[in-house]
PDB file of N, CA and C in Angstrom:
ATOM      1  N   MET A   1     -23.011  20.617   9.259  1.00  0.00           N
ATOM      2  CA  MET A   1     -22.528  21.528   9.551  1.00  0.00           C
ATOM      3  C   MET A   1     -21.276  22.149   8.647  1.00  0.00           C
ATOM      4  N   TYR A   2     -21.163  23.367   8.236  1.00  0.00           N
ATOM      5  CA  TYR A   2     -20.505  24.245   7.693  1.00  0.00           C
ATOM      6  C   TYR A   2     -19.579  24.758   8.831  1.00  0.00           C
ATOM      7  N   LYS A   3     -18.420  24.278   7.953  1.00  0.00           N
ATOM      8  CA  LYS A   3     -16.914  24.984   9.177  1.00  0.00           C
ATOM      9  C   LYS A   3     -16.385  25.858   8.202  1.00  0.00           C
ATOM     10  N   THR A   4     -15.734  26.736   8.292  1.00  0.00           N
ATOM     11  CA  THR A   4     -15.294  27.706   8.059  1.00  0.00           C
ATOM     12  C   THR A   4     -13.474  27.328   7.562  1.00  0.00           C
ATOM     13  N   ILE A   5     -13.148  27.583   6.760  1.00  0.00           N
ATOM     14  CA  ILE A   5     -11.795  27.285   6.706  1.00  0.00           C
ATOM     15  C   ILE A   5     -10.798  28.648   6.745  1.00  0.00           C
ATOM     16  N   ASP A   6      -9.508  28.525   6.780  1.00  0.00           N
ATOM     17  CA  ASP A   6      -8.939  29.828   7.133  1.00  0.00           C
ATOM     18  C   ASP A   6      -7.891  30.435   5.911  1.00  0.00           C
ATOM     19  N   ILE A   7      -8.453  31.045   5.111  1.00  0.00           N
ATOM     20  CA  ILE A   7      -8.026  32.315   4.152  1.00  0.00           C
ATOM     21  C   ILE A   7      -7.638  33.030   3.925  1.00  0.00           C
ATOM     22  N   ASP A   8      -6.355  33.796   3.990  1.00  0.00           N
ATOM     23  CA  ASP A   8      -5.508  34.440   3.733  1.00  0.00           C
ATOM     24  C   ASP A   8      -4.774  34.972   2.173  1.00  0.00           C
ATOM     25  N   ARG A   9      -6.190  35.902   1.763  1.00  0.00           N
ATOM     26  CA  ARG A   9      -5.188  36.151   0.345  1.00  0.00           C
ATOM     27  C   ARG A   9      -3.860  37.029   0.205  1.00  0.00           C
ATOM     28  N   LYS A  10      -4.095  37.814   1.560  1.00  0.00           N
ATOM     29  CA  LYS A  10      -3.213  39.032   1.231  1.00  0.00           C
ATOM     30  C   LYS A  10      -1.482  38.224   1.094  1.00  0.00           C
ATOM     31  N   ASN A  11      -1.371  37.350   2.195  1.00  0.00           N
ATOM     32  CA  ASN A  11      -0.318  36.210   2.355  1.00  0.00           C
ATOM     33  C   ASN A  11      -0.170  35.060   1.366  1.00  0.00           C
ATOM     34  N   LEU A  12      -1.460  34.737   0.612  1.00  0.00           N
ATOM     35  CA  LEU A  12      -1.441  33.589  -0.050  1.00  0.00           C
ATOM     36  C   LEU A  12      -1.850  32.441   0.654  1.00  0.00           C
ATOM     37  N   THR A  13      -2.225  32.345   1.769  1.00  0.00           N
ATOM     38  CA  THR A  13      -2.030  30.993   2.416  1.00  0.00           C
ATOM     39  C   THR A  13      -3.674  30.558   2.716  1.00  0.00           C
ATOM     40  N   LEU A  14      -3.762  29.098   2.380  1.00  0.00           N
ATOM     41  CA  LEU A  14      -5.173  27.948   2.777  1.00  0.00           C
ATOM     42  C   LEU A  14      -4.908  27.552   4.356  1.00  0.00           C
ATOM     43  N   MET A  15      -5.080  27.625   5.155  1.00  0.00           N
ATOM     44  CA  MET A  15      -4.985  27.103   6.645  1.00  0.00           C
ATOM     45  C   MET A  15      -3.779  26.770   6.776  1.00  0.00           C
ATOM     46  N   GLY A  16      -2.859  27.971   6.989  1.00  0.00           N
ATOM     47  CA  GLY A  16      -1.638  28.005   6.792  1.00  0.00           C
ATOM     48  C   GLY A  16      -0.743  27.479   5.899  1.00  0.00           C
ATOM     49  N   VAL A  17      -1.246  27.328   5.139  1.00  0.00           N
ATOM     50  CA  VAL A  17      -0.424  26.554   3.827  1.00  0.00           C
ATOM     51  C   VAL A  17      -0.098  27.719   2.719  1.00  0.00           C
ATOM     52  N   LYS A  18       1.367  27.990   2.483  1.00  0.00           N
ATOM     53  CA  LYS A  18       1.338  29.007   1.326  1.00  0.00           C
ATOM     54  C   LYS A  18       1.310  28.260  -0.046  1.00  0.00           C
ATOM     55  N   PHE A  19       0.729  29.359  -1.471  1.00  0.00           N
ATOM     56  CA  PHE A  19       0.849  29.266  -2.425  1.00  0.00           C
ATOM     57  C   PHE A  19       1.717  30.043  -3.136  1.00  0.00           C
ATOM     58  N   SER A  20       1.593  29.412  -4.451  1.00  0.00           N
ATOM     59  CA  SER A  20       2.402  30.734  -4.842  1.00  0.00           C
ATOM     60  C   SER A  20       1.905  31.960  -5.999  1.00  0.00           C
ATOM     61  N   ASP A  21       0.470  32.008  -5.941  1.00  0.00           N
ATOM     62  CA  ASP A  21      -0.252  33.058  -6.240  1.00  0.00           C
ATOM     63  C   ASP A  21      -1.391  32.452  -6.625  1.00  0.00           C
ATOM     64  N   LEU A  22      -2.387  33.481  -6.241  1.00  0.00           N
ATOM     65  CA  LEU A  22      -3.736  33.980  -6.294  1.00  0.00           C
ATOM     66  C   LEU A  22      -4.849  33.225  -6.442  1.00  0.00           C
ATOM     67  N   LYS A  23      -4.434  32.786  -7.993  1.00  0.00           N
ATOM     68  CA  LYS A  23      -5.416  31.734  -9.007  1.00  0.00           C
ATOM     69  C   LYS A  23      -5.181  30.433  -7.921  1.00  0.00           C
ATOM     70  N   SER A  24      -3.852  29.962  -7.768  1.00  0.00           N
ATOM     71  CA  SER A  24      -3.977  28.519  -7.155  1.00  0.00           C
ATOM     72  C   SER A  24      -4.615  28.221  -5.828  1.00  0.00           C
ATOM     73  N   LEU A  25      -4.581  29.728  -5.181  1.00  0.00           N
ATOM     74  CA  LEU A  25      -5.030  29.249  -3.940  1.00  0.00           C
ATOM     75  C   LEU A  25      -6.500  29.567  -4.111  1.00  0.00           C
ATOM     76  N   GLU A  26      -7.123  30.379  -4.705  1.00  0.00           N
ATOM     77  CA  GLU A  26      -8.676  30.339  -4.898  1.00  0.00           C
ATOM     78  C   GLU A  26      -9.133  29.452  -5.627  1.00  0.00           C
ATOM     79  N   ASN A  27      -8.989  29.027  -6.984  1.00  0.00           N
ATOM     80  CA  ASN A  27      -8.951  27.552  -7.099  1.00  0.00           C
ATOM     81  C   ASN A  27      -9.181  26.215  -6.110  1.00  0.00           C
ATOM     82  N   THR A  28      -8.094  26.098  -4.813  1.00  0.00           N
ATOM     83  CA  THR A  28      -8.165  25.063  -4.378  1.00  0.00           C
ATOM     84  C   THR A  28      -9.186  25.287  -3.299  1.00  0.00           C
ATOM     85  N   ALA A  29      -9.239  26.818  -2.787  1.00  0.00           N
ATOM     86  CA  ALA A  29     -10.365  26.731  -2.026  1.00  0.00           C
ATOM     87  C   ALA A  29     -11.455  26.504  -2.125  1.00  0.00           C
ATOM     88  N   ASN A  30     -11.681  26.774  -3.467  1.00  0.00           N
ATOM     89  CA  ASN A  30     -12.866  26.586  -4.060  1.00  0.00           C
ATOM     90  C   ASN A  30     -13.069  25.111  -4.207  1.00  0.00           C
ATOM     91  N   ALA A  31     -12.428  24.524  -4.893  1.00  0.00           N
ATOM     92  CA  ALA A  31     -12.421  22.803  -4.948  1.00  0.00           C
ATOM     93  C   ALA A  31     -12.964  22.381  -3.522  1.00  0.00           C
ATOM     94  N   ILE A  32     -11.720  22.593  -2.155  1.00  0.00           N
ATOM     95  CA  ILE A  32     -12.306  22.228  -1.141  1.00  0.00           C
ATOM     96  C   ILE A  32     -13.283  22.062  -0.502  1.00  0.00           C
ATOM     97  N   GLY A  33     -13.944  23.599  -0.914  1.00  0.00           N
ATOM     98  CA  GLY A  33     -15.264  24.117  -0.016  1.00  0.00           C
ATOM     99  C   GLY A  33     -16.096  23.690  -0.535  1.00  0.00           C
ATOM    100  N   THR A  34     -16.401  22.931  -2.203  1.00  0.00           N
ATOM    101  CA  THR A  34     -17.534  22.469  -2.817  1.00  0.00           C
ATOM    102  C   THR A  34     -17.654  20.818  -2.570  1.00  0.00           C
ATOM    103  N   ASN A  35     -16.153  20.464  -1.991  1.00  0.00           N
ATOM    104  CA  ASN A  35     -16.145  19.078  -1.758  1.00  0.00           C
ATOM    105  C   ASN A  35     -16.580  18.971   0.161  1.00  0.00           C
ATOM    106  N   MET A  36     -16.452  19.841   1.040  1.00  0.00           N
ATOM    107  CA  MET A  36     -16.768  20.269   2.389  1.00  0.00           C
ATOM    108  C   MET A  36     -18.001  19.901   2.224  1.00  0.00           C
ATOM    109  N   PHE A  37     -19.110  20.493   1.239  1.00  0.00           N
ATOM    110  CA  PHE A  37     -20.690  19.886   1.128  1.00  0.00           C
ATOM    111  C   PHE A  37     -21.121  18.497   1.125  1.00  0.00           C
ATOM    112  N   GLU A  38     -19.784  18.029   0.350  1.00  0.00           N
ATOM    113  CA  GLU A  38     -20.148  16.592   0.538  1.00  0.00           C
ATOM    114  C   GLU A  38     -19.177  15.415   1.988  1.00  0.00           C
ATOM    115  N   GLY A  39     -19.032  16.198   3.098  1.00  0.00           N
ATOM    116  CA  GLY A  39     -18.381  15.667   3.919  1.00  0.00           C
ATOM    117  C   GLY A  39     -17.096  15.703   3.960  1.00  0.00           C
ATOM    118  N   PHE A  40     -16.224  16.407   3.487  1.00  0.00           N
ATOM    119  CA  PHE A  40     -14.580  15.902   2.732  1.00  0.00           C
ATOM    120  C   PHE A  40     -14.876  17.410   4.366  1.00  0.00           C
ATOM    121  N   GLU A  41     -13.075  16.564   5.461  1.00  0.00           N
ATOM    122  CA  GLU A  41     -13.106  17.849   6.290  1.00  0.00           C
ATOM    123  C   GLU A  41     -11.255  17.803   6.115  1.00  0.00           C
ATOM    124  N   PRO A  42     -11.109  19.278   5.505  1.00  0.00           N
ATOM    125  CA  PRO A  42      -9.478  19.232   5.038  1.00  0.00           C
ATOM    126  C   PRO A  42      -8.432  19.278   6.490  1.00  0.00           C
ATOM    127  N   THR A  43      -7.503  19.055   6.402  1.00  0.00           N
ATOM    128  CA  THR A  43      -6.500  19.503   7.379  1.00  0.00           C
ATOM    129  C   THR A  43      -5.462  20.043   6.642  1.00  0.00           C
ATOM    130  N   LYS A  44      -4.546  20.722   7.320  1.00  0.00           N
ATOM    131  CA  LYS A  44      -3.434  21.748   7.165  1.00  0.00           C
ATOM    132  C   LYS A  44      -2.609  20.820   6.895  1.00  0.00           C
ATOM    133  N   GLU A  45      -2.531  19.593   6.972  1.00  0.00           N
ATOM    134  CA  GLU A  45      -1.387  18.059   6.327  1.00  0.00           C
ATOM    135  C   GLU A  45      -1.974  17.944   5.046  1.00  0.00           C
ATOM    136  N   LEU A  46      -3.428  17.934   4.536  1.00  0.00           N
ATOM    137  CA  LEU A  46      -3.648  17.184   3.080  1.00  0.00           C
ATOM    138  C   LEU A  46      -3.866  18.259   2.112  1.00  0.00           C
ATOM    139  N   VAL A  47      -3.769  19.619   2.473  1.00  0.00           N
ATOM    140  CA  VAL A  47      -3.584  20.843   1.733  1.00  0.00           C
ATOM    141  C   VAL A  47      -2.035  20.692   1.422  1.00  0.00           C
ATOM    142  N   GLN A  48      -1.301  20.830   2.088  1.00  0.00           N
ATOM    143  CA  GLN A  48       0.082  20.899   2.183  1.00  0.00           C
ATOM    144  C   GLN A  48       0.389  19.970   0.780  1.00  0.00           C
ATOM    145  N   LEU A  49       0.306  18.375   1.289  1.00  0.00           N
ATOM    146  CA  LEU A  49       0.320  17.170   0.596  1.00  0.00           C
ATOM    147  C   LEU A  49      -0.201  17.507  -0.966  1.00  0.00           C
ATOM    148  N   TYR A  50      -0.987  18.178  -0.851  1.00  0.00           N
ATOM    149  CA  TYR A  50      -1.214  18.567  -2.428  1.00  0.00           C
ATOM    150  C   TYR A  50      -0.750  19.651  -3.068  1.00  0.00           C
ATOM    151  N   VAL A  51      -0.311  20.842  -2.254  1.00  0.00           N
ATOM    152  CA  VAL A  51       0.129  21.786  -2.463  1.00  0.00           C
ATOM    153  C   VAL A  51       1.607  21.518  -2.948  1.00  0.00           C
ATOM    154  N   ASP A  52       2.661  20.080  -2.264  1.00  0.00           N
ATOM    155  CA  ASP A  52       3.932  19.560  -2.464  1.00  0.00           C
ATOM    156  C   ASP A  52       3.752  18.952  -3.783  1.00  0.00           C
ATOM    157  N   TRP A  53       2.617  17.879  -3.926  1.00  0.00           N
ATOM    158  CA  TRP A  53       2.377  17.225  -5.170  1.00  0.00           C
ATOM    159  C   TRP A  53       2.260  17.877  -6.429  1.00  0.00           C
ATOM    160  N   LYS A  54       1.534  19.223  -6.024  1.00  0.00           N
ATOM    161  CA  LYS A  54       1.241  19.984  -7.169  1.00  0.00           C
ATOM    162  C   LYS A  54       2.135  20.906  -7.903  1.00  0.00           C
ATOM    163  N   THR A  55       3.086  21.386  -7.187  1.00  0.00           N
ATOM    164  CA  THR A  55       4.596  21.757  -7.285  1.00  0.00           C
ATOM    165  C   THR A  55       5.525  21.084  -8.123  1.00  0.00           C
ATOM    166  N   GLY A  56       5.172  19.702  -7.405  1.00  0.00           N
ATOM    167  CA  GLY A  56       6.368  18.947  -8.094  1.00  0.00           C
ATOM    168  C   GLY A  56       7.471  18.373  -7.292  1.00  0.00           C
ATOM    169  N   ILE A  57       6.927  18.593  -5.750  1.00  0.00           N
ATOM    170  CA  ILE A  57       7.939  18.591  -4.710  1.00  0.00           C
ATOM    171  C   ILE A  57       7.685  17.084  -4.278  1.00  0.00           C
ATOM    172  N   LEU A  58       6.353  16.672  -4.519  1.00  0.00           N
ATOM    173  CA  LEU A  58       6.216  14.597  -4.285  1.00  0.00           C
ATOM    174  C   LEU A  58       5.739  14.426  -5.773  1.00  0.00           C
ATOM    175  N   SER A  59       5.943  13.013  -6.092  1.00  0.00           N
ATOM    176  CA  SER A  59       5.860  12.133  -7.084  1.00  0.00           C
ATOM    177  C   SER A  59       4.193  11.655  -6.317  1.00  0.00           C
ATOM    178  N   GLU A  60       3.413  11.345  -7.887  1.00  0.00           N
ATOM    179  CA  GLU A  60       1.772  11.080  -7.258  1.00  0.00           C
ATOM    180  C   GLU A  60       1.913   9.860  -6.516  1.00  0.00           C
ATOM    181  N   ASN A  61       3.521   8.618  -6.836  1.00  0.00           N
ATOM    182  CA  ASN A  61       3.683   7.858  -6.105  1.00  0.00           C
ATOM    183  C   ASN A  61       3.810   7.992  -4.663  1.00  0.00           C
ATOM    184  N   ASP A  62       4.451   9.134  -4.359  1.00  0.00           N
ATOM    185  CA  ASP A  62       4.763   9.354  -2.983  1.00  0.00           C
ATOM    186  C   ASP A  62       3.993  10.017  -2.003  1.00  0.00           C
ATOM    187  N   LEU A  63       2.767  10.850  -3.285  1.00  0.00           N
ATOM    188  CA  LEU A  63       1.492  11.214  -2.435  1.00  0.00           C
ATOM    189  C   LEU A  63       0.477  10.218  -2.308  1.00  0.00           C
ATOM    190  N   LEU A  64       0.142   9.220  -2.919  1.00  0.00           N
ATOM    191  CA  LEU A  64      -0.323   8.196  -2.857  1.00  0.00           C
ATOM    192  C   LEU A  64      -0.282   7.107  -1.299  1.00  0.00           C
ATOM    193  N   THR A  65       1.222   7.204  -1.528  1.00  0.00           N
ATOM    194  CA  THR A  65       1.947   6.533  -0.202  1.00  0.00           C
ATOM    195  C   THR A  65       1.719   6.981   0.861  1.00  0.00           C
ATOM    196  N   LYS A  66       1.793   8.323   1.073  1.00  0.00           N
ATOM    197  CA  LYS A  66       1.606   9.687   1.982  1.00  0.00           C
ATOM    198  C   LYS A  66      -0.081   9.085   2.353  1.00  0.00           C
ATOM    199  N   LEU A  67      -0.803   9.759   1.580  1.00  0.00           N
ATOM    200  CA  LEU A  67      -2.455   9.418   2.347  1.00  0.00           C
ATOM    201  C   LEU A  67      -2.676   8.231   2.166  1.00  0.00           C
ATOM    202  N   TYR A  68      -2.181   6.874   2.208  1.00  0.00           N
ATOM    203  CA  TYR A  68      -2.454   5.551   2.483  1.00  0.00           C
ATOM    204  C   TYR A  68      -1.801   5.622   4.021  1.00  0.00           C
ATOM    205  N   ALA A  69      -0.476   5.975   4.280  1.00  0.00           N
ATOM    206  CA  ALA A  69      -0.082   6.290   5.923  1.00  0.00           C
ATOM    207  C   ALA A  69      -0.806   6.865   6.658  1.00  0.00           C
ATOM    208  N   ILE A  70      -1.543   8.107   6.348  1.00  0.00           N
ATOM    209  CA  ILE A  70      -2.565   8.601   7.432  1.00  0.00           C
ATOM    210  C   ILE A  70      -3.826   8.065   7.043  1.00  0.00           C
ATOM    211  N   TYR A  71      -4.508   7.548   5.829  1.00  0.00           N
ATOM    212  CA  TYR A  71      -5.844   6.928   5.999  1.00  0.00           C
ATOM    213  C   TYR A  71      -5.908   4.876   6.110  1.00  0.00           C
ATOM    214  N   GLY A  72      -5.144   4.250   5.656  1.00  0.00           N
ATOM    215  CA  GLY A  72      -5.042   2.880   5.867  1.00  0.00           C
ATOM    216  C   GLY A  72      -5.623   2.553   4.022  1.00  0.00           C
ATOM    217  N   LYS A  73      -6.403   2.576   4.193  1.00  0.00           N
ATOM    218  CA  LYS A  73      -7.335   1.556   2.768  1.00  0.00           C
ATOM    219  C   LYS A  73      -6.448   2.396   2.064  1.00  0.00           C
TER     220      LYS A  73
END
């Protein structure tokens, strides 16, 4: 079943997470939408982790550690 995600192009937010520019927001929304057809269920927390990693706030190692803490495996 298809589930919509909240995209606010005016305020540059996706599921309440702020993006620095419209292109990054739209590219991320398109990637998430494509993966949702395969069963991916995005959360605000995951989108925020991605943005933090993409902008250099989180290192790749920190990103993986946080993902492991959320999902285990």
